[in-house]
PDB file of N, CA and C in Angstrom:
ATOM      1  N   MET A   1     -22.837   1.483  -2.204  1.00  0.00           N
ATOM      2  CA  MET A   1     -21.657   2.309  -2.132  1.00  0.00           C
ATOM      3  C   MET A   1     -21.690   3.269  -3.314  1.00  0.00           C
ATOM      4  N   LYS A   2     -21.546   4.534  -3.014  1.00  0.00           N
ATOM      5  CA  LYS A   2     -21.487   5.563  -4.040  1.00  0.00           C
ATOM      6  C   LYS A   2     -20.048   5.677  -4.523  1.00  0.00           C
ATOM      7  N   LEU A   3     -19.866   5.580  -5.847  1.00  0.00           N
ATOM      8  CA  LEU A   3     -18.516   5.628  -6.404  1.00  0.00           C
ATOM      9  C   LEU A   3     -18.119   7.077  -6.647  1.00  0.00           C
ATOM     10  N   THR A   4     -17.493   7.651  -5.629  1.00  0.00           N
ATOM     11  CA  THR A   4     -17.019   9.029  -5.712  1.00  0.00           C
ATOM     12  C   THR A   4     -15.537   9.013  -6.064  1.00  0.00           C
ATOM     13  N   LEU A   5     -14.994  10.181  -6.351  1.00  0.00           N
ATOM     14  CA  LEU A   5     -13.561  10.284  -6.616  1.00  0.00           C
ATOM     15  C   LEU A   5     -12.762   9.863  -5.378  1.00  0.00           C
ATOM     16  N   LYS A   6     -13.289  10.179  -4.205  1.00  0.00           N
ATOM     17  CA  LYS A   6     -12.633   9.787  -2.949  1.00  0.00           C
ATOM     18  C   LYS A   6     -12.589   8.256  -2.833  1.00  0.00           C
ATOM     19  N   THR A   7     -13.705   7.598  -3.131  1.00  0.00           N
ATOM     20  CA  THR A   7     -13.756   6.136  -3.071  1.00  0.00           C
ATOM     21  C   THR A   7     -12.868   5.521  -4.136  1.00  0.00           C
ATOM     22  N   LEU A   8     -12.904   6.080  -5.333  1.00  0.00           N
ATOM     23  CA  LEU A   8     -12.065   5.579  -6.417  1.00  0.00           C
ATOM     24  C   LEU A   8     -10.583   5.691  -6.065  1.00  0.00           C
ATOM     25  N   THR A   9     -10.208   6.760  -5.386  1.00  0.00           N
ATOM     26  CA  THR A   9      -8.820   6.927  -4.960  1.00  0.00           C
ATOM     27  C   THR A   9      -8.434   5.842  -3.952  1.00  0.00           C
ATOM     28  N   SER A  10      -9.331   5.530  -3.035  1.00  0.00           N
ATOM     29  CA  SER A  10      -9.062   4.450  -2.070  1.00  0.00           C
ATOM     30  C   SER A  10      -8.929   3.110  -2.782  1.00  0.00           C
ATOM     31  N   ILE A  11      -9.776   2.878  -3.767  1.00  0.00           N
ATOM     32  CA  ILE A  11      -9.691   1.633  -4.545  1.00  0.00           C
ATOM     33  C   ILE A  11      -8.335   1.564  -5.252  1.00  0.00           C
ATOM     34  N   CYS A  12      -7.897   2.676  -5.824  1.00  0.00           N
ATOM     35  CA  CYS A  12      -6.596   2.704  -6.508  1.00  0.00           C
ATOM     36  C   CYS A  12      -5.463   2.432  -5.532  1.00  0.00           C
ATOM     37  N   THR A  13      -5.494   3.057  -4.364  1.00  0.00           N
ATOM     38  CA  THR A  13      -4.428   2.838  -3.378  1.00  0.00           C
ATOM     39  C   THR A  13      -4.352   1.367  -2.994  1.00  0.00           C
ATOM     40  N   LEU A  14      -5.497   0.779  -2.699  1.00  0.00           N
ATOM     41  CA  LEU A  14      -5.529  -0.635  -2.329  1.00  0.00           C
ATOM     42  C   LEU A  14      -5.050  -1.510  -3.488  1.00  0.00           C
ATOM     43  N   SER A  15      -5.446  -1.175  -4.693  1.00  0.00           N
ATOM     44  CA  SER A  15      -5.035  -1.951  -5.868  1.00  0.00           C
ATOM     45  C   SER A  15      -3.539  -1.817  -6.138  1.00  0.00           C
ATOM     46  N   PHE A  16      -3.001  -0.607  -5.981  1.00  0.00           N
ATOM     47  CA  PHE A  16      -1.554  -0.433  -6.174  1.00  0.00           C
ATOM     48  C   PHE A  16      -0.765  -1.180  -5.103  1.00  0.00           C
ATOM     49  N   LEU A  17      -1.266  -1.176  -3.863  1.00  0.00           N
ATOM     50  CA  LEU A  17      -0.596  -1.945  -2.808  1.00  0.00           C
ATOM     51  C   LEU A  17      -0.615  -3.435  -3.133  1.00  0.00           C
ATOM     52  N   ALA A  18      -1.752  -3.932  -3.584  1.00  0.00           N
ATOM     53  CA  ALA A  18      -1.858  -5.355  -3.930  1.00  0.00           C
ATOM     54  C   ALA A  18      -0.938  -5.703  -5.099  1.00  0.00           C
ATOM     55  N   THR A  19      -0.907  -4.840  -6.104  1.00  0.00           N
ATOM     56  CA  THR A  19      -0.035  -5.077  -7.257  1.00  0.00           C
ATOM     57  C   THR A  19       1.431  -5.037  -6.843  1.00  0.00           C
ATOM     58  N   HIS A  20       1.756  -4.105  -5.965  1.00  0.00           N
ATOM     59  CA  HIS A  20       3.132  -4.051  -5.460  1.00  0.00           C
ATOM     60  C   HIS A  20       3.481  -5.353  -4.741  1.00  0.00           C
ATOM     61  N   GLN A  21       2.554  -5.921  -3.989  1.00  0.00           N
ATOM     62  CA  GLN A  21       2.858  -7.151  -3.261  1.00  0.00           C
ATOM     63  C   GLN A  21       3.066  -8.332  -4.205  1.00  0.00           C
ATOM     64  N   VAL A  22       2.397  -8.318  -5.351  1.00  0.00           N
ATOM     65  CA  VAL A  22       2.675  -9.343  -6.362  1.00  0.00           C
ATOM     66  C   VAL A  22       4.121  -9.181  -6.836  1.00  0.00           C
ATOM     67  N   ASP A  23       4.501  -7.943  -7.125  1.00  0.00           N
ATOM     68  CA  ASP A  23       5.875  -7.648  -7.525  1.00  0.00           C
ATOM     69  C   ASP A  23       6.849  -8.015  -6.400  1.00  0.00           C
ATOM     70  N   ALA A  24       6.468  -7.716  -5.171  1.00  0.00           N
ATOM     71  CA  ALA A  24       7.322  -8.009  -4.014  1.00  0.00           C
ATOM     72  C   ALA A  24       7.578  -9.507  -3.886  1.00  0.00           C
ATOM     73  N   SER A  25       6.586 -10.302  -4.206  1.00  0.00           N
ATOM     74  CA  SER A  25       6.776 -11.746  -4.174  1.00  0.00           C
ATOM     75  C   SER A  25       7.782 -12.178  -5.234  1.00  0.00           C
ATOM     76  N   TRP A  26       7.657 -11.617  -6.422  1.00  0.00           N
ATOM     77  CA  TRP A  26       8.594 -11.933  -7.505  1.00  0.00           C
ATOM     78  C   TRP A  26      10.009 -11.480  -7.151  1.00  0.00           C
ATOM     79  N   GLN A  27      10.111 -10.347  -6.453  1.00  0.00           N
ATOM     80  CA  GLN A  27      11.412  -9.789  -6.068  1.00  0.00           C
ATOM     81  C   GLN A  27      11.987 -10.464  -4.811  1.00  0.00           C
ATOM     82  N   GLU A  28      11.227 -11.368  -4.220  1.00  0.00           N
ATOM     83  CA  GLU A  28      11.613 -12.037  -2.970  1.00  0.00           C
ATOM     84  C   GLU A  28      11.940 -10.995  -1.894  1.00  0.00           C
ATOM     85  N   GLU A  29      10.959 -10.133  -1.665  1.00  0.00           N
ATOM     86  CA  GLU A  29      11.123  -9.001  -0.761  1.00  0.00           C
ATOM     87  C   GLU A  29      11.540  -9.391   0.649  1.00  0.00           C
ATOM     88  N   TRP A  30      11.164 -10.565   1.108  1.00  0.00           N
ATOM     89  CA  TRP A  30      11.534 -10.998   2.455  1.00  0.00           C
ATOM     90  C   TRP A  30      13.052 -11.029   2.613  1.00  0.00           C
ATOM     91  N   GLU A  31      13.779 -11.282   1.543  1.00  0.00           N
ATOM     92  CA  GLU A  31      15.239 -11.261   1.609  1.00  0.00           C
ATOM     93  C   GLU A  31      15.756  -9.828   1.736  1.00  0.00           C
ATOM     94  N   LEU A  32      15.110  -8.898   1.056  1.00  0.00           N
ATOM     95  CA  LEU A  32      15.490  -7.488   1.129  1.00  0.00           C
ATOM     96  C   LEU A  32      15.380  -6.980   2.569  1.00  0.00           C
ATOM     97  N   PHE A  33      14.317  -7.387   3.263  1.00  0.00           N
ATOM     98  CA  PHE A  33      14.099  -6.961   4.639  1.00  0.00           C
ATOM     99  C   PHE A  33      14.782  -7.866   5.658  1.00  0.00           C
ATOM    100  N   GLY A  34      15.386  -8.945   5.189  1.00  0.00           N
ATOM    101  CA  GLY A  34      16.079  -9.864   6.095  1.00  0.00           C
ATOM    102  C   GLY A  34      15.141 -10.596   7.032  1.00  0.00           C
ATOM    103  N   VAL A  35      13.939 -10.891   6.554  1.00  0.00           N
ATOM    104  CA  VAL A  35      12.932 -11.561   7.388  1.00  0.00           C
ATOM    105  C   VAL A  35      13.057 -13.070   7.205  1.00  0.00           C
ATOM    106  N   PRO A  36      13.209 -13.810   8.301  1.00  0.00           N
ATOM    107  CA  PRO A  36      13.287 -15.265   8.176  1.00  0.00           C
ATOM    108  C   PRO A  36      11.914 -15.850   7.829  1.00  0.00           C
ATOM    109  N   GLY A  37      11.908 -17.048   7.345  1.00  0.00           N
ATOM    110  CA  GLY A  37      10.643 -17.723   7.068  1.00  0.00           C
ATOM    111  C   GLY A  37      10.288 -17.771   5.598  1.00  0.00           C
ATOM    112  N   GLY A  38      11.020 -17.037   4.781  1.00  0.00           N
ATOM    113  CA  GLY A  38      10.825 -17.108   3.335  1.00  0.00           C
ATOM    114  C   GLY A  38       9.415 -16.808   2.888  1.00  0.00           C
ATOM    115  N   ILE A  39       9.027 -17.465   1.824  1.00  0.00           N
ATOM    116  CA  ILE A  39       7.726 -17.216   1.204  1.00  0.00           C
ATOM    117  C   ILE A  39       6.570 -17.561   2.145  1.00  0.00           C
ATOM    118  N   GLU A  40       6.752 -18.550   3.014  1.00  0.00           N
ATOM    119  CA  GLU A  40       5.667 -18.940   3.916  1.00  0.00           C
ATOM    120  C   GLU A  40       5.299 -17.787   4.852  1.00  0.00           C
ATOM    121  N   PHE A  41       6.315 -17.177   5.469  1.00  0.00           N
ATOM    122  CA  PHE A  41       6.053 -16.030   6.343  1.00  0.00           C
ATOM    123  C   PHE A  41       5.464 -14.879   5.545  1.00  0.00           C
ATOM    124  N   PHE A  42       6.016 -14.642   4.362  1.00  0.00           N
ATOM    125  CA  PHE A  42       5.559 -13.563   3.501  1.00  0.00           C
ATOM    126  C   PHE A  42       4.075 -13.719   3.167  1.00  0.00           C
ATOM    127  N   LEU A  43       3.649 -14.921   2.874  1.00  0.00           N
ATOM    128  CA  LEU A  43       2.237 -15.166   2.556  1.00  0.00           C
ATOM    129  C   LEU A  43       1.341 -14.927   3.764  1.00  0.00           C
ATOM    130  N   VAL A  44       1.750 -15.398   4.925  1.00  0.00           N
ATOM    131  CA  VAL A  44       0.953 -15.179   6.143  1.00  0.00           C
ATOM    132  C   VAL A  44       0.876 -13.682   6.456  1.00  0.00           C
ATOM    133  N   PHE A  45       2.017 -12.996   6.395  1.00  0.00           N
ATOM    134  CA  PHE A  45       2.043 -11.555   6.635  1.00  0.00           C
ATOM    135  C   PHE A  45       1.095 -10.835   5.680  1.00  0.00           C
ATOM    136  N   ASN A  46       1.157 -11.172   4.399  1.00  0.00           N
ATOM    137  CA  ASN A  46       0.322 -10.493   3.415  1.00  0.00           C
ATOM    138  C   ASN A  46      -1.153 -10.803   3.592  1.00  0.00           C
ATOM    139  N   PHE A  47      -1.490 -12.014   4.004  1.00  0.00           N
ATOM    140  CA  PHE A  47      -2.888 -12.329   4.280  1.00  0.00           C
ATOM    141  C   PHE A  47      -3.410 -11.433   5.393  1.00  0.00           C
ATOM    142  N   ILE A  48      -2.659 -11.325   6.478  1.00  0.00           N
ATOM    143  CA  ILE A  48      -3.073 -10.479   7.607  1.00  0.00           C
ATOM    144  C   ILE A  48      -3.144  -9.018   7.176  1.00  0.00           C
ATOM    145  N   ALA A  49      -2.154  -8.552   6.434  1.00  0.00           N
ATOM    146  CA  ALA A  49      -2.137  -7.165   5.971  1.00  0.00           C
ATOM    147  C   ALA A  49      -3.340  -6.866   5.078  1.00  0.00           C
ATOM    148  N   VAL A  50      -3.674  -7.779   4.174  1.00  0.00           N
ATOM    149  CA  VAL A  50      -4.822  -7.567   3.284  1.00  0.00           C
ATOM    150  C   VAL A  50      -6.122  -7.505   4.089  1.00  0.00           C
ATOM    151  N   VAL A  51      -6.282  -8.375   5.056  1.00  0.00           N
ATOM    152  CA  VAL A  51      -7.493  -8.348   5.886  1.00  0.00           C
ATOM    153  C   VAL A  51      -7.613  -7.009   6.608  1.00  0.00           C
ATOM    154  N   VAL A  52      -6.538  -6.547   7.230  1.00  0.00           N
ATOM    155  CA  VAL A  52      -6.570  -5.282   7.972  1.00  0.00           C
ATOM    156  C   VAL A  52      -6.844  -4.111   7.029  1.00  0.00           C
ATOM    157  N   LEU A  53      -6.197  -4.080   5.873  1.00  0.00           N
ATOM    158  CA  LEU A  53      -6.411  -2.986   4.925  1.00  0.00           C
ATOM    159  C   LEU A  53      -7.813  -3.020   4.325  1.00  0.00           C
ATOM    160  N   LEU A  54      -8.361  -4.205   4.114  1.00  0.00           N
ATOM    161  CA  LEU A  54      -9.749  -4.293   3.636  1.00  0.00           C
ATOM    162  C   LEU A  54     -10.740  -3.806   4.686  1.00  0.00           C
ATOM    163  N   ILE A  55     -10.483  -4.117   5.947  1.00  0.00           N
ATOM    164  CA  ILE A  55     -11.334  -3.597   7.024  1.00  0.00           C
ATOM    165  C   ILE A  55     -11.289  -2.073   7.015  1.00  0.00           C
ATOM    166  N   SER A  56     -10.101  -1.518   6.890  1.00  0.00           N
ATOM    167  CA  SER A  56      -9.937  -0.069   6.824  1.00  0.00           C
ATOM    168  C   SER A  56     -10.707   0.510   5.647  1.00  0.00           C
ATOM    169  N   PHE A  57     -10.585  -0.126   4.492  1.00  0.00           N
ATOM    170  CA  PHE A  57     -11.273   0.332   3.294  1.00  0.00           C
ATOM    171  C   PHE A  57     -12.789   0.317   3.473  1.00  0.00           C
ATOM    172  N   VAL A  58     -13.312  -0.780   3.993  1.00  0.00           N
ATOM    173  CA  VAL A  58     -14.770  -0.905   4.181  1.00  0.00           C
ATOM    174  C   VAL A  58     -15.272   0.142   5.161  1.00  0.00           C
ATOM    175  N   LYS A  59     -14.587   0.311   6.278  1.00  0.00           N
ATOM    176  CA  LYS A  59     -14.999   1.319   7.259  1.00  0.00           C
ATOM    177  C   LYS A  59     -15.011   2.706   6.619  1.00  0.00           C
ATOM    178  N   LYS A  60     -14.022   2.963   5.798  1.00  0.00           N
ATOM    179  CA  LYS A  60     -13.885   4.270   5.170  1.00  0.00           C
ATOM    180  C   LYS A  60     -14.997   4.528   4.156  1.00  0.00           C
ATOM    181  N   VAL A  61     -15.206   3.602   3.228  1.00  0.00           N
ATOM    182  CA  VAL A  61     -16.192   3.847   2.164  1.00  0.00           C
ATOM    183  C   VAL A  61     -17.627   3.754   2.651  1.00  0.00           C
ATOM    184  N   GLU A  62     -17.856   3.046   3.736  1.00  0.00           N
ATOM    185  CA  GLU A  62     -19.206   3.004   4.297  1.00  0.00           C
ATOM    186  C   GLU A  62     -19.492   4.218   5.169  1.00  0.00           C
ATOM    187  N   GLY A  63     -18.476   5.060   5.342  1.00  0.00           N
ATOM    188  CA  GLY A  63     -18.662   6.289   6.109  1.00  0.00           C
ATOM    189  C   GLY A  63     -18.884   6.047   7.589  1.00  0.00           C
ATOM    190  N   MET A  64     -18.357   4.955   8.084  1.00  0.00           N
ATOM    191  CA  MET A  64     -18.502   4.662   9.509  1.00  0.00           C
ATOM    192  C   MET A  64     -17.792   5.742  10.323  1.00  0.00           C
ATOM    193  N   ASN A  65     -18.403   6.105  11.408  1.00  0.00           N
ATOM    194  CA  ASN A  65     -17.821   7.102  12.294  1.00  0.00           C
ATOM    195  C   ASN A  65     -16.796   6.389  13.180  1.00  0.00           C
ATOM    196  N   VAL A  66     -15.583   6.316  12.675  1.00  0.00           N
ATOM    197  CA  VAL A  66     -14.521   5.603  13.387  1.00  0.00           C
ATOM    198  C   VAL A  66     -13.353   6.548  13.607  1.00  0.00           C
ATOM    199  N   SER A  67     -12.381   6.077  14.338  1.00  0.00           N
ATOM    200  CA  SER A  67     -11.209   6.897  14.606  1.00  0.00           C
ATOM    201  C   SER A  67     -10.470   7.204  13.308  1.00  0.00           C
ATOM    202  N   LYS A  68      -9.711   8.270  13.325  1.00  0.00           N
ATOM    203  CA  LYS A  68      -8.934   8.675  12.160  1.00  0.00           C
ATOM    204  C   LYS A  68      -7.914   7.598  11.769  1.00  0.00           C
ATOM    205  N   PHE A  69      -7.543   6.752  12.727  1.00  0.00           N
ATOM    206  CA  PHE A  69      -6.605   5.670  12.438  1.00  0.00           C
ATOM    207  C   PHE A  69      -7.045   4.885  11.212  1.00  0.00           C
ATOM    208  N   TRP A  70      -8.299   4.472  11.164  1.00  0.00           N
ATOM    209  CA  TRP A  70      -8.799   3.667  10.059  1.00  0.00           C
ATOM    210  C   TRP A  70      -8.819   4.450   8.754  1.00  0.00           C
ATOM    211  N   ASN A  71      -9.089   5.753   8.844  1.00  0.00           N
ATOM    212  CA  ASN A  71      -9.142   6.576   7.633  1.00  0.00           C
ATOM    213  C   ASN A  71      -7.768   6.800   7.022  1.00  0.00           C
ATOM    214  N   TYR A  72      -6.739   6.796   7.857  1.00  0.00           N
ATOM    215  CA  TYR A  72      -5.392   7.074   7.362  1.00  0.00           C
ATOM    216  C   TYR A  72      -4.516   5.835   7.229  1.00  0.00           C
ATOM    217  N   LEU A  73      -5.016   4.683   7.645  1.00  0.00           N
ATOM    218  CA  LEU A  73      -4.213   3.460   7.590  1.00  0.00           C
ATOM    219  C   LEU A  73      -3.823   3.101   6.159  1.00  0.00           C
ATOM    220  N   LEU A  74      -4.772   3.114   5.255  1.00  0.00           N
ATOM    221  CA  LEU A  74      -4.497   2.724   3.876  1.00  0.00           C
ATOM    222  C   LEU A  74      -3.526   3.689   3.188  1.00  0.00           C
ATOM    223  N   PRO A  75      -3.802   4.992   3.175  1.00  0.00           N
ATOM    224  CA  PRO A  75      -2.830   5.881   2.522  1.00  0.00           C
ATOM    225  C   PRO A  75      -1.495   5.953   3.276  1.00  0.00           C
ATOM    226  N   GLY A  76      -1.533   5.813   4.588  1.00  0.00           N
ATOM    227  CA  GLY A  76      -0.297   5.803   5.362  1.00  0.00           C
ATOM    228  C   GLY A  76       0.575   4.613   4.996  1.00  0.00           C
ATOM    229  N   THR A  77      -0.063   3.463   4.800  1.00  0.00           N
ATOM    230  CA  THR A  77       0.663   2.269   4.371  1.00  0.00           C
ATOM    231  C   THR A  77       1.256   2.480   2.982  1.00  0.00           C
ATOM    232  N   GLY A  78       0.502   3.139   2.111  1.00  0.00           N
ATOM    233  CA  GLY A  78       0.991   3.428   0.766  1.00  0.00           C
ATOM    234  C   GLY A  78       2.218   4.323   0.786  1.00  0.00           C
ATOM    235  N   ILE A  79       2.160   5.379   1.575  1.00  0.00           N
ATOM    236  CA  ILE A  79       3.300   6.303   1.663  1.00  0.00           C
ATOM    237  C   ILE A  79       4.503   5.613   2.295  1.00  0.00           C
ATOM    238  N   PHE A  80       4.270   4.857   3.357  1.00  0.00           N
ATOM    239  CA  PHE A  80       5.363   4.118   3.994  1.00  0.00           C
ATOM    240  C   PHE A  80       6.015   3.154   3.005  1.00  0.00           C
ATOM    241  N   THR A  81       5.196   2.445   2.232  1.00  0.00           N
ATOM    242  CA  THR A  81       5.709   1.501   1.242  1.00  0.00           C
ATOM    243  C   THR A  81       6.602   2.211   0.232  1.00  0.00           C
ATOM    244  N   PHE A  82       6.138   3.366  -0.261  1.00  0.00           N
ATOM    245  CA  PHE A  82       6.948   4.133  -1.211  1.00  0.00           C
ATOM    246  C   PHE A  82       8.272   4.562  -0.576  1.00  0.00           C
ATOM    247  N   VAL A  83       8.206   5.138   0.610  1.00  0.00           N
ATOM    248  CA  VAL A  83       9.397   5.687   1.261  1.00  0.00           C
ATOM    249  C   VAL A  83      10.425   4.596   1.548  1.00  0.00           C
ATOM    250  N   ILE A  84      10.002   3.473   2.098  1.00  0.00           N
ATOM    251  CA  ILE A  84      10.964   2.426   2.447  1.00  0.00           C
ATOM    252  C   ILE A  84      11.627   1.856   1.199  1.00  0.00           C
ATOM    253  N   HIS A  85      10.860   1.715   0.123  1.00  0.00           N
ATOM    254  CA  HIS A  85      11.451   1.198  -1.113  1.00  0.00           C
ATOM    255  C   HIS A  85      12.350   2.238  -1.777  1.00  0.00           C
ATOM    256  N   ALA A  86      11.989   3.497  -1.684  1.00  0.00           N
ATOM    257  CA  ALA A  86      12.849   4.564  -2.215  1.00  0.00           C
ATOM    258  C   ALA A  86      14.186   4.573  -1.471  1.00  0.00           C
ATOM    259  N   CYS A  87      14.151   4.342  -0.172  1.00  0.00           N
ATOM    260  CA  CYS A  87      15.390   4.280   0.616  1.00  0.00           C
ATOM    261  C   CYS A  87      16.255   3.107   0.179  1.00  0.00           C
ATOM    262  N   PHE A  88      15.651   1.934  -0.006  1.00  0.00           N
ATOM    263  CA  PHE A  88      16.411   0.770  -0.461  1.00  0.00           C
ATOM    264  C   PHE A  88      17.031   1.027  -1.837  1.00  0.00           C
ATOM    265  N   ILE A  89      16.272   1.633  -2.730  1.00  0.00           N
ATOM    266  CA  ILE A  89      16.787   1.940  -4.066  1.00  0.00           C
ATOM    267  C   ILE A  89      17.927   2.954  -3.967  1.00  0.00           C
ATOM    268  N   ALA A  90      17.751   3.973  -3.118  1.00  0.00           N
ATOM    269  CA  ALA A  90      18.765   5.026  -2.976  1.00  0.00           C
ATOM    270  C   ALA A  90      20.098   4.492  -2.449  1.00  0.00           C
ATOM    271  N   ILE A  91      20.049   3.457  -1.614  1.00  0.00           N
ATOM    272  CA  ILE A  91      21.312   2.919  -1.095  1.00  0.00           C
ATOM    273  C   ILE A  91      21.879   1.805  -1.967  1.00  0.00           C
ATOM    274  N   GLY A  92      21.218   1.548  -3.105  1.00  0.00           N
ATOM    275  CA  GLY A  92      21.809   0.672  -4.096  1.00  0.00           C
ATOM    276  C   GLY A  92      21.247  -0.723  -4.269  1.00  0.00           C
ATOM    277  N   TYR A  93      20.154  -1.051  -3.603  1.00  0.00           N
ATOM    278  CA  TYR A  93      19.563  -2.368  -3.811  1.00  0.00           C
ATOM    279  C   TYR A  93      18.935  -2.415  -5.204  1.00  0.00           C
ATOM    280  N   PRO A  94      19.122  -3.521  -5.922  1.00  0.00           N
ATOM    281  CA  PRO A  94      18.613  -3.592  -7.296  1.00  0.00           C
ATOM    282  C   PRO A  94      17.119  -3.926  -7.401  1.00  0.00           C
ATOM    283  N   GLN A  95      16.527  -4.430  -6.320  1.00  0.00           N
ATOM    284  CA  GLN A  95      15.115  -4.781  -6.373  1.00  0.00           C
ATOM    285  C   GLN A  95      14.264  -3.526  -6.603  1.00  0.00           C
ATOM    286  N   PHE A  96      13.181  -3.706  -7.305  1.00  0.00           N
ATOM    287  CA  PHE A  96      12.179  -2.661  -7.547  1.00  0.00           C
ATOM    288  C   PHE A  96      12.710  -1.500  -8.389  1.00  0.00           C
ATOM    289  N   THR A  97      13.754  -1.735  -9.168  1.00  0.00           N
ATOM    290  CA  THR A  97      14.274  -0.679 -10.036  1.00  0.00           C
ATOM    291  C   THR A  97      13.787  -0.832 -11.477  1.00  0.00           C
ATOM    292  N   GLN A  98      13.043  -1.881 -11.768  1.00  0.00           N
ATOM    293  CA  GLN A  98      12.476  -2.042 -13.099  1.00  0.00           C
ATOM    294  C   GLN A  98      11.382  -0.995 -13.304  1.00  0.00           C
ATOM    295  N   VAL A  99      11.142  -0.638 -14.554  1.00  0.00           N
ATOM    296  CA  VAL A  99      10.168   0.409 -14.868  1.00  0.00           C
ATOM    297  C   VAL A  99       8.796   0.103 -14.260  1.00  0.00           C
ATOM    298  N   GLY A 100       8.319  -1.118 -14.426  1.00  0.00           N
ATOM    299  CA  GLY A 100       7.001  -1.480 -13.890  1.00  0.00           C
ATOM    300  C   GLY A 100       6.924  -1.315 -12.378  1.00  0.00           C
ATOM    301  N   SER A 101       7.965  -1.735 -11.685  1.00  0.00           N
ATOM    302  CA  SER A 101       8.009  -1.607 -10.220  1.00  0.00           C
ATOM    303  C   SER A 101       7.990  -0.142  -9.810  1.00  0.00           C
ATOM    304  N   LEU A 102       8.783   0.675 -10.502  1.00  0.00           N
ATOM    305  CA  LEU A 102       8.849   2.107 -10.177  1.00  0.00           C
ATOM    306  C   LEU A 102       7.532   2.809 -10.460  1.00  0.00           C
ATOM    307  N   VAL A 103       6.900   2.464 -11.567  1.00  0.00           N
ATOM    308  CA  VAL A 103       5.607   3.080 -11.913  1.00  0.00           C
ATOM    309  C   VAL A 103       4.576   2.754 -10.837  1.00  0.00           C
ATOM    310  N   ILE A 104       4.508   1.500 -10.420  1.00  0.00           N
ATOM    311  CA  ILE A 104       3.557   1.112  -9.367  1.00  0.00           C
ATOM    312  C   ILE A 104       3.840   1.879  -8.088  1.00  0.00           C
ATOM    313  N   LEU A 105       5.100   2.000  -7.688  1.00  0.00           N
ATOM    314  CA  LEU A 105       5.436   2.727  -6.462  1.00  0.00           C
ATOM    315  C   LEU A 105       5.063   4.203  -6.564  1.00  0.00           C
ATOM    316  N   PHE A 106       5.325   4.836  -7.705  1.00  0.00           N
ATOM    317  CA  PHE A 106       4.974   6.253  -7.866  1.00  0.00           C
ATOM    318  C   PHE A 106       3.461   6.456  -7.901  1.00  0.00           C
ATOM    319  N   LEU A 107       2.736   5.576  -8.590  1.00  0.00           N
ATOM    320  CA  LEU A 107       1.268   5.682  -8.609  1.00  0.00           C
ATOM    321  C   LEU A 107       0.695   5.463  -7.212  1.00  0.00           C
ATOM    322  N   LEU A 108       1.303   4.553  -6.458  1.00  0.00           N
ATOM    323  CA  LEU A 108       0.894   4.317  -5.077  1.00  0.00           C
ATOM    324  C   LEU A 108       1.082   5.582  -4.242  1.00  0.00           C
ATOM    325  N   LEU A 109       2.210   6.242  -4.410  1.00  0.00           N
ATOM    326  CA  LEU A 109       2.461   7.486  -3.681  1.00  0.00           C
ATOM    327  C   LEU A 109       1.419   8.547  -4.045  1.00  0.00           C
ATOM    328  N   ILE A 110       1.160   8.716  -5.320  1.00  0.00           N
ATOM    329  CA  ILE A 110       0.199   9.734  -5.768  1.00  0.00           C
ATOM    330  C   ILE A 110      -1.199   9.438  -5.235  1.00  0.00           C
ATOM    331  N   SER A 111      -1.652   8.192  -5.349  1.00  0.00           N
ATOM    332  CA  SER A 111      -2.996   7.875  -4.867  1.00  0.00           C
ATOM    333  C   SER A 111      -3.084   8.007  -3.347  1.00  0.00           C
ATOM    334  N   SER A 112      -2.010   7.674  -2.638  1.00  0.00           N
ATOM    335  CA  SER A 112      -2.009   7.811  -1.172  1.00  0.00           C
ATOM    336  C   SER A 112      -2.089   9.279  -0.760  1.00  0.00           C
ATOM    337  N   ILE A 113      -1.327  10.139  -1.445  1.00  0.00           N
ATOM    338  CA  ILE A 113      -1.379  11.573  -1.145  1.00  0.00           C
ATOM    339  C   ILE A 113      -2.761  12.128  -1.462  1.00  0.00           C
ATOM    340  N   MET A 114      -3.326  11.713  -2.591  1.00  0.00           N
ATOM    341  CA  MET A 114      -4.684  12.168  -2.944  1.00  0.00           C
ATOM    342  C   MET A 114      -5.698  11.726  -1.894  1.00  0.00           C
ATOM    343  N   GLU A 115      -5.538  10.511  -1.425  1.00  0.00           N
ATOM    344  CA  GLU A 115      -6.460   9.981  -0.419  1.00  0.00           C
ATOM    345  C   GLU A 115      -6.391  10.803   0.873  1.00  0.00           C
ATOM    346  N   ILE A 116      -5.196  11.156   1.279  1.00  0.00           N
ATOM    347  CA  ILE A 116      -5.041  11.998   2.472  1.00  0.00           C
ATOM    348  C   ILE A 116      -5.637  13.374   2.221  1.00  0.00           C
ATOM    349  N   TRP A 117      -5.430  13.911   1.032  1.00  0.00           N
ATOM    350  CA  TRP A 117      -6.010  15.216   0.684  1.00  0.00           C
ATOM    351  C   TRP A 117      -7.526  15.163   0.801  1.00  0.00           C
ATOM    352  N   PHE A 118      -8.137  14.106   0.275  1.00  0.00           N
ATOM    353  CA  PHE A 118      -9.600  13.955   0.386  1.00  0.00           C
ATOM    354  C   PHE A 118     -10.043  13.855   1.836  1.00  0.00           C
ATOM    355  N   GLU A 119      -9.267  13.159   2.658  1.00  0.00           N
ATOM    356  CA  GLU A 119      -9.611  13.043   4.085  1.00  0.00           C
ATOM    357  C   GLU A 119      -9.574  14.421   4.765  1.00  0.00           C
ATOM    358  N   LEU A 120      -8.574  15.188   4.446  1.00  0.00           N
ATOM    359  CA  LEU A 120      -8.407  16.495   5.095  1.00  0.00           C
ATOM    360  C   LEU A 120      -9.399  17.543   4.581  1.00  0.00           C
ATOM    361  N   ASN A 121      -9.856  17.387   3.340  1.00  0.00           N
ATOM    362  CA  ASN A 121     -10.706  18.389   2.724  1.00  0.00           C
ATOM    363  C   ASN A 121     -12.131  17.924   2.471  1.00  0.00           C
ATOM    364  N   GLY A 122     -12.479  16.815   3.101  1.00  0.00           N
ATOM    365  CA  GLY A 122     -13.857  16.341   3.019  1.00  0.00           C
ATOM    366  C   GLY A 122     -14.191  15.858   1.673  1.00  0.00           C
TER     367      GLY A 122
END
């Protein structure tokens, strides 16, 4: 694997998503979304999400000729994560308002936008 700026951006997006999920566990995010099953469901969901995002990452960095879905899944997930949490914060939920949580969300947004830019501009 050649470590290009495009690949490094994908690594950052995946790393920021993973770091956010560590924070999400501490924040008990399943309660914020009203999802039953508590931490057990959250762990199963995150295992599946990590597997799917890793598949997307591998397909992308190996340059596999695949549908655009796989190329945009990782940054799309990053942008969605930022937007949904920004909405929760805007309506007054206290979760994810700590400096560390906000920094991770903003870095996730920036790396996701950069990743899409690289996809669109080769």
